[in-house]
Amino acid sequence: MGTEAKGFLTMNRRQSRSLMALISTVGLALLLTGCASAGWVKSVTSLCLQVEQSYTGVNGHSEPIAEELQGVFERMGIRVLYGTSPDCQATLYLKIEFSAQAVKLTGGGECYPDVTGFGQARLTSKGQPTLTTQLLYYNKPSGGGSGVRVLFNCPKTPYQANYTAAWGAPVASMLKKWWGNPALESAMQAKTYALQHAAGELLSGKGTATP
């Protein structure tokens, strides 16, 4: 049994060395791919922009996501066209779904102080690898686990909910991931406070970019 155990351990060590070599090779490949991706993104001077947004239980509402992104890119010297065009070097497509979360009130009724956002951004260019990143936002309710929560703002319907934070933070993370600090500096000049604030947090190192 001792010999069998020794052989088993030896085999595991051999497999471990092989696995570590494979991880190193894959890691290097991913690193090189990431560098190449960053290079082609920063060389883009014209961009087609497509934004698809939807709201659970709400019709006719729209957030100025495309308009703010257009401003960010144009301040960086990147020409932006909506939709598709052969004149664009790359296409940025965002799809995000928002949902206002109901909270029951002690005295009866409900309000919608929290909004979640879930979606994805995709950046494509002919002859280049497609880049994707998640657009995620969830506002964790305060209350310290006591189950009691003090609300300073109580939107009575999903139509009155504040949706800006649910896209400002993930959009800022996307900008940092693909265009770096110059995009965040441009986003600091946005009209939407949530985008300004998220960009400032990421620039100061306090915020966390979406994986």
Protein backbone atom coordinates (compact mmCIF):
# COMPACT_ATOMS: atom_id res chain seq x y z
CA MET A 1 0.00 0.00 0.00
CA GLY A 2 2.90 2.34 0.75
CA THR A 3 4.30 1.82 -2.76
CA GLU A 4 0.90 2.47 -4.31
CA ALA A 5 0.51 5.66 -2.28
CA LYS A 6 3.97 6.84 -3.33
CA GLY A 7 3.16 6.19 -6.98
CA PHE A 8 -0.13 8.05 -6.62
CA LEU A 9 1.60 11.10 -5.12
CA THR A 10 4.28 11.04 -7.82
CA MET A 11 1.60 10.97 -10.52
CA ASN A 12 -0.19 13.92 -8.89
CA ARG A 13 3.01 15.96 -8.77
CA ARG A 14 3.63 15.21 -12.44
CA GLN A 15 0.09 16.20 -13.31
CA SER A 16 0.43 19.34 -11.22
CA ARG A 17 3.58 20.39 -13.09
CA SER A 18 1.83 19.79 -16.41
CA LEU A 19 -1.22 21.71 -15.26
CA MET A 20 0.88 24.66 -14.07
CA ALA A 21 2.69 24.73 -17.41
CA LEU A 22 -0.64 24.73 -19.21
CA ILE A 23 -1.98 27.53 -16.99
CA SER A 24 1.14 29.60 -17.64
CA THR A 25 0.80 29.10 -21.39
CA VAL A 26 -2.90 29.99 -21.39
CA GLY A 27 -2.28 32.95 -19.10
CA LEU A 28 0.41 34.29 -21.44
CA ALA A 29 -1.91 33.85 -24.42
CA LEU A 30 -4.69 35.72 -22.65
CA LEU A 31 -2.28 38.47 -21.66
CA LEU A 32 -1.08 38.88 -25.23
CA THR A 33 -4.65 38.85 -26.51
CA GLY A 34 -5.61 41.51 -24.02
CA CYS A 35 -2.71 43.71 -25.07
CA ALA A 36 -3.61 43.31 -28.73
CA SER A 37 -7.25 44.12 -27.97
CA ALA A 38 -6.34 47.27 -26.04
CA GLY A 39 -4.16 48.37 -28.93
CA TRP A 40 -6.85 48.15 -31.59
CA VAL A 41 -9.52 49.75 -29.39
CA LYS A 42 -7.37 52.81 -28.74
CA SER A 43 -6.74 53.23 -32.48
CA VAL A 44 -10.46 53.54 -33.30
CA THR A 45 -11.45 57.03 -34.50
CA SER A 46 -15.01 56.30 -35.68
CA LEU A 47 -17.57 54.25 -33.79
CA CYS A 48 -21.07 52.99 -34.52
CA LEU A 49 -23.15 53.04 -31.34
CA GLN A 50 -26.19 50.88 -30.64
CA VAL A 51 -27.98 50.92 -27.29
CA GLU A 52 -30.93 48.67 -26.47
CA GLN A 53 -32.63 49.26 -23.12
CA SER A 54 -35.75 47.72 -21.59
CA TYR A 55 -37.67 48.24 -18.35
CA THR A 56 -39.66 45.60 -16.49
CA GLY A 57 -43.24 46.78 -16.02
CA VAL A 58 -42.51 50.19 -17.55
CA ASN A 59 -43.34 51.41 -21.05
CA GLY A 60 -42.06 54.46 -22.87
CA HIS A 61 -39.13 55.21 -20.57
CA SER A 62 -35.62 55.80 -21.88
CA GLU A 63 -32.34 56.81 -20.27
CA PRO A 64 -29.77 59.03 -22.08
CA ILE A 65 -27.17 56.27 -22.28
CA ALA A 66 -26.42 56.67 -25.98
CA GLU A 67 -26.30 60.47 -25.73
CA GLU A 68 -23.88 60.40 -22.81
CA LEU A 69 -21.64 57.84 -24.51
CA GLN A 70 -21.63 59.93 -27.65
CA GLY A 71 -20.43 62.89 -25.60
CA VAL A 72 -17.73 60.82 -23.88
CA PHE A 73 -16.32 59.55 -27.17
CA GLU A 74 -16.54 62.82 -29.07
CA ARG A 75 -14.64 64.62 -26.31
CA MET A 76 -11.95 61.98 -26.88
CA GLY A 77 -11.87 62.75 -30.61
CA ILE A 78 -13.86 59.66 -31.67
CA ARG A 79 -16.62 60.27 -34.21
CA VAL A 80 -19.89 58.54 -33.25
CA LEU A 81 -22.71 57.39 -35.53
CA TYR A 82 -25.93 55.79 -34.32
CA GLY A 83 -26.86 52.42 -35.79
CA THR A 84 -24.67 50.83 -38.47
CA SER A 85 -22.49 52.36 -41.15
CA PRO A 86 -19.60 51.20 -43.35
CA ASP A 87 -17.79 54.37 -42.26
CA CYS A 88 -17.34 53.02 -38.71
CA GLN A 89 -14.10 51.32 -37.70
CA ALA A 90 -15.86 49.56 -34.83
CA THR A 91 -19.33 48.95 -33.42
CA LEU A 92 -20.25 49.24 -29.75
CA TYR A 93 -23.49 47.49 -28.83
CA LEU A 94 -25.05 47.69 -25.37
CA LYS A 95 -28.10 45.79 -24.19
CA ILE A 96 -29.33 46.30 -20.65
CA GLU A 97 -32.53 45.47 -18.79
CA PHE A 98 -33.68 47.45 -15.76
CA SER A 99 -36.01 46.38 -12.99
CA ALA A 100 -37.34 48.53 -10.14
CA GLN A 101 -37.55 46.55 -6.88
CA ALA A 102 -40.62 46.98 -4.68
CA VAL A 103 -40.30 47.43 -0.90
CA LYS A 104 -43.26 46.89 1.42
CA LEU A 105 -43.94 49.77 3.82
CA THR A 106 -44.76 49.27 7.51
CA GLY A 107 -47.91 51.36 7.27
CA GLY A 108 -49.06 49.62 4.11
CA GLY A 109 -48.33 50.15 0.45
CA GLU A 110 -44.98 49.95 -1.29
CA CYS A 111 -42.32 52.01 -3.00
CA TYR A 112 -39.48 51.40 -5.46
CA PRO A 113 -36.19 52.77 -4.04
CA ASP A 114 -33.90 50.18 -5.68
CA VAL A 115 -33.18 49.39 -9.31
CA THR A 116 -31.19 46.51 -10.77
CA GLY A 117 -29.50 46.52 -14.15
CA PHE A 118 -28.38 43.46 -16.10
CA GLY A 119 -26.91 43.29 -19.58
CA GLN A 120 -23.84 43.12 -21.76
CA ALA A 121 -21.65 45.33 -23.92
CA ARG A 122 -20.02 44.06 -27.10
CA LEU A 123 -17.29 45.77 -29.11
CA THR A 124 -16.55 44.51 -32.63
CA SER A 125 -14.25 45.49 -35.47
CA LYS A 126 -13.52 43.70 -38.72
CA GLY A 127 -10.46 41.47 -38.38
CA GLN A 128 -10.24 41.94 -34.61
CA PRO A 129 -11.36 39.72 -31.70
CA THR A 130 -14.82 40.53 -30.35
CA LEU A 131 -14.74 42.00 -26.86
CA THR A 132 -17.58 41.55 -24.36
CA THR A 133 -18.17 42.66 -20.79
CA GLN A 134 -21.08 42.41 -18.38
CA LEU A 135 -23.19 45.41 -17.41
CA LEU A 136 -24.37 44.64 -13.88
CA TYR A 137 -25.76 46.76 -11.08
CA TYR A 138 -27.49 45.85 -7.84
CA ASN A 139 -28.11 48.34 -5.07
CA LYS A 140 -27.82 46.38 -1.82
CA PRO A 141 -30.48 47.63 0.63
CA SER A 142 -29.20 49.20 3.85
CA GLY A 143 -30.44 48.15 7.26
CA GLY A 144 -27.56 46.15 8.74
CA GLY A 145 -29.49 42.88 8.62
CA SER A 146 -32.07 44.14 11.12
CA GLY A 147 -34.85 44.03 8.57
CA VAL A 148 -35.63 47.70 9.31
CA ARG A 149 -34.86 50.22 6.64
CA VAL A 150 -35.22 54.00 6.67
CA LEU A 151 -36.14 55.40 3.26
CA PHE A 152 -35.39 59.01 2.39
CA ASN A 153 -36.83 58.65 -1.08
CA CYS A 154 -39.90 56.58 -1.87
CA PRO A 155 -40.94 56.41 -5.54
CA LYS A 156 -44.52 55.16 -5.55
CA THR A 157 -44.37 53.43 -8.96
CA PRO A 158 -41.68 51.81 -11.17
CA TYR A 159 -42.08 54.80 -13.50
CA GLN A 160 -40.73 57.10 -10.77
CA ALA A 161 -37.75 54.92 -9.84
CA ASN A 162 -34.22 56.28 -10.23
CA TYR A 163 -32.65 54.27 -13.05
CA THR A 164 -29.52 56.35 -13.62
CA ALA A 165 -27.30 54.65 -11.02
CA ALA A 166 -28.12 51.27 -12.55
CA TRP A 167 -26.38 52.20 -15.79
CA GLY A 168 -23.93 54.92 -14.72
CA ALA A 169 -21.70 52.55 -12.74
CA PRO A 170 -21.52 49.63 -15.22
CA VAL A 171 -21.04 51.97 -18.20
CA ALA A 172 -18.15 53.67 -16.39
CA SER A 173 -16.61 50.24 -15.74
CA MET A 174 -16.89 49.39 -19.43
CA LEU A 175 -15.21 52.65 -20.40
CA LYS A 176 -12.32 52.00 -18.01
CA LYS A 177 -11.90 48.41 -19.19
CA TRP A 178 -11.64 49.23 -22.90
CA TRP A 179 -10.58 52.90 -23.11
CA GLY A 180 -8.88 53.49 -19.78
CA ASN A 181 -8.57 56.69 -17.79
CA PRO A 182 -8.98 59.08 -20.77
CA ALA A 183 -12.57 57.82 -21.13
CA LEU A 184 -13.21 58.23 -17.40
CA GLU A 185 -11.86 61.78 -17.52
CA SER A 186 -14.23 62.50 -20.38
CA ALA A 187 -17.11 60.88 -18.48
CA MET A 188 -16.46 63.30 -15.62
CA GLN A 189 -17.94 65.96 -17.93
CA ALA A 190 -21.18 64.00 -18.49
CA LYS A 191 -24.54 65.60 -17.67
CA THR A 192 -25.71 62.53 -15.73
CA TYR A 193 -24.44 62.64 -12.15
CA ALA A 194 -24.38 58.84 -11.74
CA LEU A 195 -21.94 58.51 -14.64
CA GLN A 196 -19.82 61.41 -13.36
CA HIS A 197 -19.69 59.93 -9.88
CA ALA A 198 -18.86 56.38 -11.02
CA ALA A 199 -16.09 57.69 -13.28
CA GLY A 200 -14.65 59.73 -10.42
CA GLU A 201 -14.71 56.72 -8.09
CA LEU A 202 -12.83 54.59 -10.62
CA LEU A 203 -10.28 57.33 -11.27
CA SER A 204 -9.62 57.69 -7.55
CA GLY A 205 -9.30 53.93 -7.11
CA LYS A 206 -12.37 53.68 -4.85
CA GLY A 207 -14.64 52.06 -7.41
CA THR A 208 -14.51 48.52 -8.77
CA ALA A 209 -14.64 47.78 -12.48
CA THR A 210 -17.02 45.09 -13.75
CA PRO A 211 -15.16 41.82 -14.58
